């Protein structure tokens, strides 16, 4: 079973909303909220990739001094807040990559 990154899951949810899969909640604010979640999640994942110097499921090349490794995700932000950001379009949820 392959694990799916939160950004990929969020991308699929956004595509479902855009394609009208959820007709009852098909609102512009939902599209904006899901798009915001996707952008923020991708930024957090990219930051972790840049810090570690490798992508998900890639091994280090051996000549770098191990900066750490990935250890899943946690649903909160560094400031200790729950992984939720309140906006005028609703609540945006993100999952922070855990690095060890």
PDB file of N, CA and C in Angstrom:
ATOM      1  N   UNK A   1       0.842  -1.186   0.000  1.00  0.00           N
ATOM      2  CA  UNK A   1       0.000   0.000   0.000  1.00  0.00           C
ATOM      3  C   UNK A   1       0.885   1.245   0.000  1.00  0.00           C
ATOM      4  N   UNK A   2       0.706   2.086  -0.979  1.00  0.00           N
ATOM      5  CA  UNK A   2       1.499   3.306  -1.081  1.00  0.00           C
ATOM      6  C   UNK A   2       0.833   4.420  -0.274  1.00  0.00           C
ATOM      7  N   UNK A   3       1.637   5.149   0.443  1.00  0.00           N
ATOM      8  CA  UNK A   3       1.114   6.267   1.229  1.00  0.00           C
ATOM      9  C   UNK A   3       0.991   7.486   0.334  1.00  0.00           C
ATOM     10  N   UNK A   4      -0.075   8.213   0.526  1.00  0.00           N
ATOM     11  CA  UNK A   4      -0.350   9.386  -0.295  1.00  0.00           C
ATOM     12  C   UNK A   4      -0.062  10.634   0.523  1.00  0.00           C
ATOM     13  N   UNK A   5       0.676  11.565  -0.070  1.00  0.00           N
ATOM     14  CA  UNK A   5       0.985  12.832   0.598  1.00  0.00           C
ATOM     15  C   UNK A   5      -0.305  13.631   0.776  1.00  0.00           C
ATOM     16  N   UNK A   6      -0.413  14.400   1.859  1.00  0.00           N
ATOM     17  CA  UNK A   6      -1.606  15.216   2.060  1.00  0.00           C
ATOM     18  C   UNK A   6      -1.897  16.150   0.887  1.00  0.00           C
ATOM     19  N   UNK A   7      -0.856  16.675   0.236  1.00  0.00           N
ATOM     20  CA  UNK A   7      -1.091  17.576  -0.894  1.00  0.00           C
ATOM     21  C   UNK A   7      -1.762  16.845  -2.052  1.00  0.00           C
ATOM     22  N   UNK A   8      -1.417  15.582  -2.279  1.00  0.00           N
ATOM     23  CA  UNK A   8      -2.060  14.807  -3.346  1.00  0.00           C
ATOM     24  C   UNK A   8      -3.525  14.546  -3.016  1.00  0.00           C
ATOM     25  N   UNK A   9      -3.801  14.230  -1.750  1.00  0.00           N
ATOM     26  CA  UNK A   9      -5.180  14.013  -1.331  1.00  0.00           C
ATOM     27  C   UNK A   9      -5.999  15.300  -1.495  1.00  0.00           C
ATOM     28  N   UNK A  10      -5.386  16.441  -1.116  1.00  0.00           N
ATOM     29  CA  UNK A  10      -6.076  17.726  -1.237  1.00  0.00           C
ATOM     30  C   UNK A  10      -6.303  18.093  -2.698  1.00  0.00           C
ATOM     31  N   UNK A  11      -5.344  17.751  -3.564  1.00  0.00           N
ATOM     32  CA  UNK A  11      -5.486  18.023  -4.994  1.00  0.00           C
ATOM     33  C   UNK A  11      -6.684  17.246  -5.558  1.00  0.00           C
ATOM     34  N   UNK A  12      -6.844  15.988  -5.150  1.00  0.00           N
ATOM     35  CA  UNK A  12      -7.975  15.177  -5.613  1.00  0.00           C
ATOM     36  C   UNK A  12      -9.298  15.743  -5.113  1.00  0.00           C
ATOM     37  N   UNK A  13      -9.327  16.209  -3.865  1.00  0.00           N
ATOM     38  CA  UNK A  13     -10.545  16.811  -3.322  1.00  0.00           C
ATOM     39  C   UNK A  13     -10.916  18.065  -4.099  1.00  0.00           C
ATOM     40  N   UNK A  14      -9.919  18.893  -4.432  1.00  0.00           N
ATOM     41  CA  UNK A  14     -10.172  20.110  -5.198  1.00  0.00           C
ATOM     42  C   UNK A  14     -10.689  19.767  -6.592  1.00  0.00           C
ATOM     43  N   UNK A  15     -10.091  18.777  -7.238  1.00  0.00           N
ATOM     44  CA  UNK A  15     -10.552  18.365  -8.568  1.00  0.00           C
ATOM     45  C   UNK A  15     -11.983  17.854  -8.518  1.00  0.00           C
ATOM     46  N   UNK A  16     -12.336  17.140  -7.445  1.00  0.00           N
ATOM     47  CA  UNK A  16     -13.699  16.638  -7.292  1.00  0.00           C
ATOM     48  C   UNK A  16     -14.689  17.792  -7.180  1.00  0.00           C
ATOM     49  N   UNK A  17     -14.337  18.799  -6.404  1.00  0.00           N
ATOM     50  CA  UNK A  17     -15.210  19.966  -6.260  1.00  0.00           C
ATOM     51  C   UNK A  17     -15.323  20.708  -7.588  1.00  0.00           C
ATOM     52  N   UNK A  18     -14.190  20.853  -8.284  1.00  0.00           N
ATOM     53  CA  UNK A  18     -14.190  21.565  -9.571  1.00  0.00           C
ATOM     54  C   UNK A  18     -15.018  20.827 -10.627  1.00  0.00           C
ATOM     55  N   UNK A  19     -15.017  19.498 -10.570  1.00  0.00           N
ATOM     56  CA  UNK A  19     -15.773  18.700 -11.536  1.00  0.00           C
ATOM     57  C   UNK A  19     -17.228  18.522 -11.133  1.00  0.00           C
ATOM     58  N   UNK A  20     -17.619  19.103 -10.030  1.00  0.00           N
ATOM     59  CA  UNK A  20     -19.006  19.046  -9.603  1.00  0.00           C
ATOM     60  C   UNK A  20     -19.376  17.756  -8.905  1.00  0.00           C
ATOM     61  N   UNK A  21     -18.400  17.036  -8.377  1.00  0.00           N
ATOM     62  CA  UNK A  21     -18.675  15.786  -7.685  1.00  0.00           C
ATOM     63  C   UNK A  21     -19.496  15.986  -6.426  1.00  0.00           C
ATOM     64  N   UNK A  22     -19.419  17.144  -5.844  1.00  0.00           N
ATOM     65  CA  UNK A  22     -20.161  17.451  -4.626  1.00  0.00           C
ATOM     66  C   UNK A  22     -21.097  18.616  -4.940  1.00  0.00           C
ATOM     67  N   UNK A  23     -22.203  18.344  -5.594  1.00  0.00           N
ATOM     68  CA  UNK A  23     -23.114  19.395  -6.066  1.00  0.00           C
ATOM     69  C   UNK A  23     -23.703  20.237  -4.939  1.00  0.00           C
ATOM     70  N   UNK A  24     -23.984  19.632  -3.805  1.00  0.00           N
ATOM     71  CA  UNK A  24     -24.614  20.376  -2.713  1.00  0.00           C
ATOM     72  C   UNK A  24     -23.711  21.493  -2.204  1.00  0.00           C
ATOM     73  N   UNK A  25     -22.422  21.258  -2.134  1.00  0.00           N
ATOM     74  CA  UNK A  25     -21.499  22.243  -1.594  1.00  0.00           C
ATOM     75  C   UNK A  25     -20.697  22.947  -2.663  1.00  0.00           C
ATOM     76  N   UNK A  26     -21.195  22.956  -3.900  1.00  0.00           N
ATOM     77  CA  UNK A  26     -20.433  23.548  -5.000  1.00  0.00           C
ATOM     78  C   UNK A  26     -20.567  25.067  -4.944  1.00  0.00           C
ATOM     79  N   UNK A  27     -19.663  25.692  -4.228  1.00  0.00           N
ATOM     80  CA  UNK A  27     -19.652  27.137  -4.065  1.00  0.00           C
ATOM     81  C   UNK A  27     -18.258  27.657  -4.375  1.00  0.00           C
ATOM     82  N   UNK A  28     -18.197  28.891  -4.797  1.00  0.00           N
ATOM     83  CA  UNK A  28     -16.901  29.501  -5.082  1.00  0.00           C
ATOM     84  C   UNK A  28     -16.036  29.542  -3.826  1.00  0.00           C
ATOM     85  N   UNK A  29     -16.655  29.770  -2.674  1.00  0.00           N
ATOM     86  CA  UNK A  29     -15.871  29.824  -1.436  1.00  0.00           C
ATOM     87  C   UNK A  29     -15.228  28.474  -1.122  1.00  0.00           C
ATOM     88  N   UNK A  30     -15.899  27.375  -1.474  1.00  0.00           N
ATOM     89  CA  UNK A  30     -15.316  26.052  -1.238  1.00  0.00           C
ATOM     90  C   UNK A  30     -14.108  25.829  -2.142  1.00  0.00           C
ATOM     91  N   UNK A  31     -14.203  26.288  -3.381  1.00  0.00           N
ATOM     92  CA  UNK A  31     -13.071  26.171  -4.308  1.00  0.00           C
ATOM     93  C   UNK A  31     -11.892  26.986  -3.794  1.00  0.00           C
ATOM     94  N   UNK A  32     -12.165  28.195  -3.320  1.00  0.00           N
ATOM     95  CA  UNK A  32     -11.099  29.055  -2.798  1.00  0.00           C
ATOM     96  C   UNK A  32     -10.470  28.430  -1.553  1.00  0.00           C
ATOM     97  N   UNK A  33     -11.294  27.894  -0.673  1.00  0.00           N
ATOM     98  CA  UNK A  33     -10.789  27.280   0.558  1.00  0.00           C
ATOM     99  C   UNK A  33      -9.935  26.053   0.255  1.00  0.00           C
ATOM    100  N   UNK A  34     -10.425  25.179  -0.608  1.00  0.00           N
ATOM    101  CA  UNK A  34      -9.655  23.974  -0.961  1.00  0.00           C
ATOM    102  C   UNK A  34      -8.365  24.345  -1.689  1.00  0.00           C
ATOM    103  N   UNK A  35      -8.417  25.369  -2.539  1.00  0.00           N
ATOM    104  CA  UNK A  35      -7.209  25.833  -3.221  1.00  0.00           C
ATOM    105  C   UNK A  35      -6.192  26.393  -2.241  1.00  0.00           C
ATOM    106  N   UNK A  36      -6.674  27.128  -1.240  1.00  0.00           N
ATOM    107  CA  UNK A  36      -5.784  27.657  -0.207  1.00  0.00           C
ATOM    108  C   UNK A  36      -5.132  26.552   0.600  1.00  0.00           C
ATOM    109  N   UNK A  37      -5.909  25.527   0.941  1.00  0.00           N
ATOM    110  CA  UNK A  37      -5.344  24.374   1.657  1.00  0.00           C
ATOM    111  C   UNK A  37      -4.233  23.730   0.844  1.00  0.00           C
ATOM    112  N   UNK A  38      -4.485  23.553  -0.447  1.00  0.00           N
ATOM    113  CA  UNK A  38      -3.507  22.905  -1.321  1.00  0.00           C
ATOM    114  C   UNK A  38      -2.221  23.719  -1.410  1.00  0.00           C
ATOM    115  N   UNK A  39      -2.347  25.023  -1.594  1.00  0.00           N
ATOM    116  CA  UNK A  39      -1.160  25.880  -1.716  1.00  0.00           C
ATOM    117  C   UNK A  39      -0.332  25.849  -0.431  1.00  0.00           C
ATOM    118  N   UNK A  40      -0.979  26.010   0.715  1.00  0.00           N
ATOM    119  CA  UNK A  40      -0.247  26.001   1.988  1.00  0.00           C
ATOM    120  C   UNK A  40       0.402  24.646   2.258  1.00  0.00           C
ATOM    121  N   UNK A  41      -0.320  23.557   1.956  1.00  0.00           N
ATOM    122  CA  UNK A  41       0.239  22.224   2.182  1.00  0.00           C
ATOM    123  C   UNK A  41       1.453  21.983   1.293  1.00  0.00           C
ATOM    124  N   UNK A  42       1.365  22.394   0.025  1.00  0.00           N
ATOM    125  CA  UNK A  42       2.503  22.222  -0.881  1.00  0.00           C
ATOM    126  C   UNK A  42       3.702  23.041  -0.424  1.00  0.00           C
ATOM    127  N   UNK A  43       3.452  24.229   0.131  1.00  0.00           N
ATOM    128  CA  UNK A  43       4.552  25.051   0.643  1.00  0.00           C
ATOM    129  C   UNK A  43       5.249  24.357   1.814  1.00  0.00           C
ATOM    130  N   UNK A  44       4.481  23.788   2.742  1.00  0.00           N
ATOM    131  CA  UNK A  44       5.076  23.082   3.879  1.00  0.00           C
ATOM    132  C   UNK A  44       5.878  21.866   3.417  1.00  0.00           C
ATOM    133  N   UNK A  45       5.338  21.122   2.459  1.00  0.00           N
ATOM    134  CA  UNK A  45       6.044  19.939   1.959  1.00  0.00           C
ATOM    135  C   UNK A  45       7.312  20.331   1.200  1.00  0.00           C
ATOM    136  N   UNK A  46       7.249  21.421   0.434  1.00  0.00           N
ATOM    137  CA  UNK A  46       8.429  21.882  -0.300  1.00  0.00           C
ATOM    138  C   UNK A  46       9.515  22.358   0.661  1.00  0.00           C
ATOM    139  N   UNK A  47       9.111  23.019   1.733  1.00  0.00           N
ATOM    140  CA  UNK A  47      10.078  23.473   2.735  1.00  0.00           C
ATOM    141  C   UNK A  47      10.810  22.280   3.359  1.00  0.00           C
ATOM    142  N   UNK A  48      10.074  21.210   3.660  1.00  0.00           N
ATOM    143  CA  UNK A  48      10.698  20.004   4.221  1.00  0.00           C
ATOM    144  C   UNK A  48      11.647  19.371   3.210  1.00  0.00           C
ATOM    145  N   UNK A  49      11.254  19.341   1.940  1.00  0.00           N
ATOM    146  CA  UNK A  49      12.103  18.776   0.884  1.00  0.00           C
ATOM    147  C   UNK A  49      13.394  19.566   0.746  1.00  0.00           C
ATOM    148  N   UNK A  50      13.302  20.884   0.758  1.00  0.00           N
ATOM    149  CA  UNK A  50      14.497  21.721   0.634  1.00  0.00           C
ATOM    150  C   UNK A  50      15.413  21.564   1.848  1.00  0.00           C
ATOM    151  N   UNK A  51      14.842  21.468   3.033  1.00  0.00           N
ATOM    152  CA  UNK A  51      15.656  21.317   4.240  1.00  0.00           C
ATOM    153  C   UNK A  51      16.426  19.997   4.224  1.00  0.00           C
ATOM    154  N   UNK A  52      15.738  18.910   3.860  1.00  0.00           N
ATOM    155  CA  UNK A  52      16.375  17.592   3.857  1.00  0.00           C
ATOM    156  C   UNK A  52      17.272  17.374   2.642  1.00  0.00           C
ATOM    157  N   UNK A  53      17.006  18.101   1.569  1.00  0.00           N
ATOM    158  CA  UNK A  53      17.805  17.937   0.360  1.00  0.00           C
ATOM    159  C   UNK A  53      17.416  16.721  -0.462  1.00  0.00           C
ATOM    160  N   UNK A  54      16.226  16.198  -0.229  1.00  0.00           N
ATOM    161  CA  UNK A  54      15.743  15.050  -1.005  1.00  0.00           C
ATOM    162  C   UNK A  54      14.220  15.007  -0.957  1.00  0.00           C
ATOM    163  N   UNK A  55      13.633  14.339  -1.958  1.00  0.00           N
ATOM    164  CA  UNK A  55      12.184  14.216  -2.051  1.00  0.00           C
ATOM    165  C   UNK A  55      11.692  13.067  -1.183  1.00  0.00           C
ATOM    166  N   UNK A  56      10.385  12.928  -1.139  1.00  0.00           N
ATOM    167  CA  UNK A  56       9.782  11.810  -0.395  1.00  0.00           C
ATOM    168  C   UNK A  56      10.280  10.486  -0.951  1.00  0.00           C
ATOM    169  N   UNK A  57      10.589   9.572  -0.077  1.00  0.00           N
ATOM    170  CA  UNK A  57      11.040   8.216  -0.410  1.00  0.00           C
ATOM    171  C   UNK A  57      12.356   8.175  -1.162  1.00  0.00           C
ATOM    172  N   UNK A  58      13.108   9.262  -1.179  1.00  0.00           N
ATOM    173  CA  UNK A  58      14.459   9.257  -1.752  1.00  0.00           C
ATOM    174  C   UNK A  58      15.451   9.059  -0.620  1.00  0.00           C
ATOM    175  N   UNK A  59      16.506   8.349  -0.925  1.00  0.00           N
ATOM    176  CA  UNK A  59      17.574   8.169   0.056  1.00  0.00           C
ATOM    177  C   UNK A  59      18.592   9.284  -0.108  1.00  0.00           C
ATOM    178  N   UNK A  60      19.300   9.576   0.974  1.00  0.00           N
ATOM    179  CA  UNK A  60      20.362  10.575   0.870  1.00  0.00           C
ATOM    180  C   UNK A  60      21.504   9.970   0.072  1.00  0.00           C
ATOM    181  N   UNK A  61      22.285  10.820  -0.575  1.00  0.00           N
ATOM    182  CA  UNK A  61      23.358  10.331  -1.439  1.00  0.00           C
ATOM    183  C   UNK A  61      24.602   9.919  -0.660  1.00  0.00           C
ATOM    184  N   UNK A  62      24.583   9.999   0.624  1.00  0.00           N
ATOM    185  CA  UNK A  62      25.686   9.510   1.442  1.00  0.00           C
ATOM    186  C   UNK A  62      26.743  10.548   1.759  1.00  0.00           C
ATOM    187  N   UNK A  63      26.992  11.506   0.864  1.00  0.00           N
ATOM    188  CA  UNK A  63      28.027  12.497   1.136  1.00  0.00           C
ATOM    189  C   UNK A  63      27.503  13.679   1.945  1.00  0.00           C
ATOM    190  N   UNK A  64      26.201  13.763   2.120  1.00  0.00           N
ATOM    191  CA  UNK A  64      25.661  14.842   2.952  1.00  0.00           C
ATOM    192  C   UNK A  64      25.559  14.349   4.393  1.00  0.00           C
ATOM    193  N   UNK A  65      25.745  15.253   5.302  1.00  0.00           N
ATOM    194  CA  UNK A  65      25.604  14.899   6.714  1.00  0.00           C
ATOM    195  C   UNK A  65      24.118  14.904   7.018  1.00  0.00           C
ATOM    196  N   UNK A  66      23.592  13.754   7.368  1.00  0.00           N
ATOM    197  CA  UNK A  66      22.156  13.582   7.551  1.00  0.00           C
ATOM    198  C   UNK A  66      21.502  14.699   8.330  1.00  0.00           C
ATOM    199  N   UNK A  67      20.669  15.463   7.661  1.00  0.00           N
ATOM    200  CA  UNK A  67      19.945  16.545   8.328  1.00  0.00           C
ATOM    201  C   UNK A  67      18.728  16.004   9.062  1.00  0.00           C
ATOM    202  N   UNK A  68      18.395  14.769   8.806  1.00  0.00           N
ATOM    203  CA  UNK A  68      17.232  14.180   9.446  1.00  0.00           C
ATOM    204  C   UNK A  68      16.457  13.334   8.465  1.00  0.00           C
ATOM    205  N   UNK A  69      15.254  12.979   8.880  1.00  0.00           N
ATOM    206  CA  UNK A  69      14.407  12.180   8.016  1.00  0.00           C
ATOM    207  C   UNK A  69      12.951  12.505   8.298  1.00  0.00           C
ATOM    208  N   UNK A  70      12.103  12.094   7.390  1.00  0.00           N
ATOM    209  CA  UNK A  70      10.668  12.346   7.510  1.00  0.00           C
ATOM    210  C   UNK A  70      10.052  11.339   8.470  1.00  0.00           C
ATOM    211  N   UNK A  71       9.025  11.785   9.170  1.00  0.00           N
ATOM    212  CA  UNK A  71       8.337  10.894  10.099  1.00  0.00           C
ATOM    213  C   UNK A  71       6.848  11.227  10.120  1.00  0.00           C
ATOM    214  N   UNK A  72       6.230  11.182   8.959  1.00  0.00           N
ATOM    215  CA  UNK A  72       4.794  11.414   8.864  1.00  0.00           C
ATOM    216  C   UNK A  72       4.413  12.878   8.937  1.00  0.00           C
ATOM    217  N   UNK A  73       3.173  13.111   9.326  1.00  0.00           N
ATOM    218  CA  UNK A  73       2.619  14.461   9.401  1.00  0.00           C
ATOM    219  C   UNK A  73       1.881  14.617  10.708  1.00  0.00           C
ATOM    220  N   UNK A  74       1.799  15.845  11.178  1.00  0.00           N
ATOM    221  CA  UNK A  74       0.993  16.127  12.354  1.00  0.00           C
ATOM    222  C   UNK A  74       0.065  17.286  12.025  1.00  0.00           C
ATOM    223  N   UNK A  75      -1.178  17.210  12.490  1.00  0.00           N
ATOM    224  CA  UNK A  75      -2.165  18.228  12.134  1.00  0.00           C
ATOM    225  C   UNK A  75      -2.069  19.491  12.973  1.00  0.00           C
ATOM    226  N   UNK A  76      -0.888  20.089  13.014  1.00  0.00           N
ATOM    227  CA  UNK A  76      -0.767  21.367  13.723  1.00  0.00           C
ATOM    228  C   UNK A  76       0.368  22.188  13.139  1.00  0.00           C
ATOM    229  N   UNK A  77       0.378  23.439  13.498  1.00  0.00           N
ATOM    230  CA  UNK A  77       1.380  24.371  13.008  1.00  0.00           C
ATOM    231  C   UNK A  77       2.459  24.561  14.064  1.00  0.00           C
ATOM    232  N   UNK A  78       3.628  25.081  13.672  1.00  0.00           N
ATOM    233  CA  UNK A  78       4.728  25.262  14.623  1.00  0.00           C
ATOM    234  C   UNK A  78       4.381  26.120  15.832  1.00  0.00           C
ATOM    235  N   UNK A  79       3.489  27.064  15.687  1.00  0.00           N
ATOM    236  CA  UNK A  79       3.168  27.966  16.790  1.00  0.00           C
ATOM    237  C   UNK A  79       2.303  27.297  17.855  1.00  0.00           C
ATOM    238  N   UNK A  80       2.027  25.995  17.703  1.00  0.00           N
ATOM    239  CA  UNK A  80       1.236  25.288  18.683  1.00  0.00           C
ATOM    240  C   UNK A  80      -0.254  25.347  18.421  1.00  0.00           C
ATOM    241  N   UNK A  81      -0.660  26.041  17.367  1.00  0.00           N
ATOM    242  CA  UNK A  81      -2.066  26.093  17.013  1.00  0.00           C
ATOM    243  C   UNK A  81      -2.468  24.752  16.430  1.00  0.00           C
ATOM    244  N   UNK A  82      -3.743  24.451  16.507  1.00  0.00           N
ATOM    245  CA  UNK A  82      -4.218  23.272  15.782  1.00  0.00           C
ATOM    246  C   UNK A  82      -3.994  23.563  14.307  1.00  0.00           C
ATOM    247  N   UNK A  83      -3.927  22.564  13.464  1.00  0.00           N
ATOM    248  CA  UNK A  83      -3.619  22.765  12.051  1.00  0.00           C
ATOM    249  C   UNK A  83      -4.743  23.420  11.291  1.00  0.00           C
ATOM    250  N   UNK A  84      -5.267  24.472  11.821  1.00  0.00           N
ATOM    251  CA  UNK A  84      -6.393  25.173  11.208  1.00  0.00           C
ATOM    252  C   UNK A  84      -6.100  26.663  11.142  1.00  0.00           C
ATOM    253  N   UNK A  85      -6.418  27.235  10.018  1.00  0.00           N
ATOM    254  CA  UNK A  85      -6.242  28.665   9.818  1.00  0.00           C
ATOM    255  C   UNK A  85      -7.603  29.229   9.453  1.00  0.00           C
ATOM    256  N   UNK A  86      -8.045  30.236  10.173  1.00  0.00           N
ATOM    257  CA  UNK A  86      -9.354  30.819   9.893  1.00  0.00           C
ATOM    258  C   UNK A  86      -9.214  31.919   8.854  1.00  0.00           C
ATOM    259  N   UNK A  87     -10.043  31.847   7.823  1.00  0.00           N
ATOM    260  CA  UNK A  87     -10.079  32.864   6.774  1.00  0.00           C
ATOM    261  C   UNK A  87     -11.522  33.305   6.576  1.00  0.00           C
ATOM    262  N   UNK A  88     -11.729  34.308   5.748  1.00  0.00           N
ATOM    263  CA  UNK A  88     -13.089  34.760   5.472  1.00  0.00           C
ATOM    264  C   UNK A  88     -13.876  33.720   4.677  1.00  0.00           C
ATOM    265  N   UNK A  89     -13.186  32.803   4.008  1.00  0.00           N
ATOM    266  CA  UNK A  89     -13.848  31.755   3.229  1.00  0.00           C
ATOM    267  C   UNK A  89     -14.090  30.490   4.045  1.00  0.00           C
ATOM    268  N   UNK A  90     -13.619  30.469   5.268  1.00  0.00           N
ATOM    269  CA  UNK A  90     -13.787  29.293   6.120  1.00  0.00           C
ATOM    270  C   UNK A  90     -12.458  28.836   6.684  1.00  0.00           C
ATOM    271  N   UNK A  91     -12.493  27.699   7.310  1.00  0.00           N
ATOM    272  CA  UNK A  91     -11.310  27.158   7.971  1.00  0.00           C
ATOM    273  C   UNK A  91     -10.456  26.368   6.983  1.00  0.00           C
ATOM    274  N   UNK A  92      -9.151  26.615   7.001  1.00  0.00           N
ATOM    275  CA  UNK A  92      -8.202  25.893   6.157  1.00  0.00           C
ATOM    276  C   UNK A  92      -7.411  24.966   7.065  1.00  0.00           C
ATOM    277  N   UNK A  93      -7.326  23.693   6.683  1.00  0.00           N
ATOM    278  CA  UNK A  93      -6.586  22.709   7.484  1.00  0.00           C
ATOM    279  C   UNK A  93      -5.314  22.305   6.759  1.00  0.00           C
ATOM    280  N   UNK A  94      -4.226  22.232   7.490  1.00  0.00           N
ATOM    281  CA  UNK A  94      -2.945  21.799   6.929  1.00  0.00           C
ATOM    282  C   UNK A  94      -2.325  20.763   7.865  1.00  0.00           C
ATOM    283  N   UNK A  95      -1.415  19.963   7.314  1.00  0.00           N
ATOM    284  CA  UNK A  95      -0.697  18.965   8.095  1.00  0.00           C
ATOM    285  C   UNK A  95       0.789  19.254   7.972  1.00  0.00           C
ATOM    286  N   UNK A  96       1.428  19.502   9.099  1.00  0.00           N
ATOM    287  CA  UNK A  96       2.847  19.843   9.106  1.00  0.00           C
ATOM    288  C   UNK A  96       3.692  18.581   8.991  1.00  0.00           C
ATOM    289  N   UNK A  97       4.645  18.540   8.051  1.00  0.00           N
ATOM    290  CA  UNK A  97       5.539  17.382   7.969  1.00  0.00           C
ATOM    291  C   UNK A  97       6.391  17.284   9.233  1.00  0.00           C
ATOM    292  N   UNK A  98       6.510  16.083   9.780  1.00  0.00           N
ATOM    293  CA  UNK A  98       7.368  15.856  10.945  1.00  0.00           C
ATOM    294  C   UNK A  98       8.749  15.469  10.454  1.00  0.00           C
ATOM    295  N   UNK A  99       9.746  16.150  10.936  1.00  0.00           N
ATOM    296  CA  UNK A  99      11.129  15.828  10.597  1.00  0.00           C
ATOM    297  C   UNK A  99      11.854  15.466  11.876  1.00  0.00           C
ATOM    298  N   UNK A 100      12.654  14.429  11.822  1.00  0.00           N
ATOM    299  CA  UNK A 100      13.411  13.981  12.991  1.00  0.00           C
ATOM    300  C   UNK A 100      14.883  14.128  12.721  1.00  0.00           C
TER     301      UNK A 100
END
